[in-house]
Amino acid sequence: MRTNSKNQGFTLIELLTVIAIIAILASILFPTFARAREKARTTSCMSNQKQLGLAFQMYRDDYDGVNVLTDSGAAVDSPASPYW
């Protein structure tokens, strides 16, 4: 005796609906992730600049106020010097 066995799978409409929902959610989340990544880069850059400034200050403290010299021999007056 044979029973009616029906293929138990998803229809094309169901699959397309799920793919569309995933695409909509992804389009909402990707800009948010991009902003978070840019914010992380900005924070990292600011931290690096702060560390350079602290290093220059510690150098001046260790060497009695003498500024850090660059490759060209010019003294760096501040961490925001246009040399770099």
C-alpha atoms as a PDB file:
ATOM      1  CA  MET A   1       0.000   0.000   0.000  1.00  0.00           C
ATOM      2  CA  ARG A   2       1.185   3.349  -0.940  1.00  0.00           C
ATOM      3  CA  THR A   3       0.430   6.479   1.010  1.00  0.00           C
ATOM      4  CA  ASN A   4       0.268   9.935  -0.438  1.00  0.00           C
ATOM      5  CA  SER A   5       3.613  11.441   0.405  1.00  0.00           C
ATOM      6  CA  LYS A   6       3.982  15.083  -0.362  1.00  0.00           C
ATOM      7  CA  ASN A   7       7.370  16.800  -0.548  1.00  0.00           C
ATOM      8  CA  GLN A   8       7.711  18.778   2.621  1.00  0.00           C
ATOM      9  CA  GLY A   9       9.693  21.825   1.532  1.00  0.00           C
ATOM     10  CA  PHE A  10       9.429  25.555   1.206  1.00  0.00           C
ATOM     11  CA  THR A  11       7.680  27.114  -1.720  1.00  0.00           C
ATOM     12  CA  LEU A  12       9.397  29.652  -3.936  1.00  0.00           C
ATOM     13  CA  ILE A  13       7.218  32.452  -2.555  1.00  0.00           C
ATOM     14  CA  GLU A  14       8.188  31.601   1.022  1.00  0.00           C
ATOM     15  CA  LEU A  15      11.894  31.580   0.158  1.00  0.00           C
ATOM     16  CA  LEU A  16      11.669  34.888  -1.714  1.00  0.00           C
ATOM     17  CA  THR A  17       9.793  36.456   1.193  1.00  0.00           C
ATOM     18  CA  VAL A  18      12.452  35.384   3.689  1.00  0.00           C
ATOM     19  CA  ILE A  19      15.248  36.623   1.413  1.00  0.00           C
ATOM     20  CA  ALA A  20      13.473  39.972   1.001  1.00  0.00           C
ATOM     21  CA  ILE A  21      13.068  40.359   4.773  1.00  0.00           C
ATOM     22  CA  ILE A  22      16.743  39.546   5.343  1.00  0.00           C
ATOM     23  CA  ALA A  23      17.752  42.062   2.661  1.00  0.00           C
ATOM     24  CA  ILE A  24      15.623  44.784   4.260  1.00  0.00           C
ATOM     25  CA  LEU A  25      17.106  44.113   7.703  1.00  0.00           C
ATOM     26  CA  ALA A  26      20.635  44.099   6.274  1.00  0.00           C
ATOM     27  CA  SER A  27      20.053  47.417   4.503  1.00  0.00           C
ATOM     28  CA  ILE A  28      18.999  48.916   7.839  1.00  0.00           C
ATOM     29  CA  LEU A  29      21.944  47.515   9.795  1.00  0.00           C
ATOM     30  CA  PHE A  30      24.867  48.109   7.383  1.00  0.00           C
ATOM     31  CA  PRO A  31      24.859  51.931   7.695  1.00  0.00           C
ATOM     32  CA  THR A  32      24.778  51.558  11.474  1.00  0.00           C
ATOM     33  CA  PHE A  33      27.818  49.288  11.377  1.00  0.00           C
ATOM     34  CA  ALA A  34      29.616  51.720   9.061  1.00  0.00           C
ATOM     35  CA  ARG A  35      29.009  54.602  11.472  1.00  0.00           C
ATOM     36  CA  ALA A  36      30.233  52.512  14.399  1.00  0.00           C
ATOM     37  CA  ARG A  37      33.381  51.567  12.464  1.00  0.00           C
ATOM     38  CA  GLU A  38      34.073  55.232  11.619  1.00  0.00           C
ATOM     39  CA  LYS A  39      33.532  56.222  15.255  1.00  0.00           C
ATOM     40  CA  ALA A  40      36.021  53.531  16.319  1.00  0.00           C
ATOM     41  CA  ARG A  41      38.598  54.831  13.821  1.00  0.00           C
ATOM     42  CA  THR A  42      38.115  58.384  15.093  1.00  0.00           C
ATOM     43  CA  THR A  43      38.520  57.278  18.699  1.00  0.00           C
ATOM     44  CA  SER A  44      41.639  55.291  17.844  1.00  0.00           C
ATOM     45  CA  CYS A  45      43.171  58.256  16.003  1.00  0.00           C
ATOM     46  CA  MET A  46      42.472  60.611  18.890  1.00  0.00           C
ATOM     47  CA  SER A  47      44.014  58.133  21.311  1.00  0.00           C
ATOM     48  CA  ASN A  48      47.141  57.867  19.156  1.00  0.00           C
ATOM     49  CA  GLN A  49      47.474  61.654  19.033  1.00  0.00           C
ATOM     50  CA  LYS A  50      47.084  61.867  22.798  1.00  0.00           C
ATOM     51  CA  GLN A  51      49.775  59.218  23.268  1.00  0.00           C
ATOM     52  CA  LEU A  52      52.159  61.140  20.993  1.00  0.00           C
ATOM     53  CA  GLY A  53      51.517  64.336  22.926  1.00  0.00           C
ATOM     54  CA  LEU A  54      52.179  62.555  26.217  1.00  0.00           C
ATOM     55  CA  ALA A  55      55.376  61.053  24.814  1.00  0.00           C
ATOM     56  CA  PHE A  56      56.607  64.513  23.738  1.00  0.00           C
ATOM     57  CA  GLN A  57      55.753  65.906  27.154  1.00  0.00           C
ATOM     58  CA  MET A  58      57.548  63.058  28.948  1.00  0.00           C
ATOM     59  CA  TYR A  59      60.604  63.585  26.721  1.00  0.00           C
ATOM     60  CA  ARG A  60      60.678  67.291  27.612  1.00  0.00           C
ATOM     61  CA  ASP A  61      60.312  66.427  31.303  1.00  0.00           C
ATOM     62  CA  ASP A  62      63.156  63.903  31.143  1.00  0.00           C
ATOM     63  CA  TYR A  63      65.505  66.184  29.191  1.00  0.00           C
ATOM     64  CA  ASP A  64      64.936  69.462  31.072  1.00  0.00           C
ATOM     65  CA  GLY A  65      62.596  71.116  28.605  1.00  0.00           C
ATOM     66  CA  VAL A  66      64.466  70.203  25.411  1.00  0.00           C
ATOM     67  CA  ASN A  67      61.989  69.587  22.585  1.00  0.00           C
ATOM     68  CA  VAL A  68      61.969  66.459  20.448  1.00  0.00           C
ATOM     69  CA  LEU A  69      64.045  66.792  17.272  1.00  0.00           C
ATOM     70  CA  THR A  70      62.770  65.666  13.870  1.00  0.00           C
ATOM     71  CA  ASP A  71      64.775  64.049  11.066  1.00  0.00           C
ATOM     72  CA  SER A  72      65.493  67.486   9.611  1.00  0.00           C
ATOM     73  CA  GLY A  73      66.853  68.727  12.946  1.00  0.00           C
ATOM     74  CA  ALA A  74      63.947  71.085  13.617  1.00  0.00           C
ATOM     75  CA  ALA A  75      62.420  70.961  17.067  1.00  0.00           C
ATOM     76  CA  VAL A  76      58.811  69.910  17.431  1.00  0.00           C
ATOM     77  CA  ASP A  77      57.008  72.683  19.291  1.00  0.00           C
ATOM     78  CA  SER A  78      53.722  70.899  19.838  1.00  0.00           C
ATOM     79  CA  PRO A  79      52.133  67.521  19.086  1.00  0.00           C
ATOM     80  CA  ALA A  80      50.068  69.211  16.351  1.00  0.00           C
ATOM     81  CA  SER A  81      53.129  70.368  14.427  1.00  0.00           C
ATOM     82  CA  PRO A  82      52.586  70.585  10.644  1.00  0.00           C
ATOM     83  CA  TYR A  83      55.753  68.504  10.096  1.00  0.00           C
ATOM     84  CA  TRP A  84      53.764  65.300  10.379  1.00  0.00           C
END
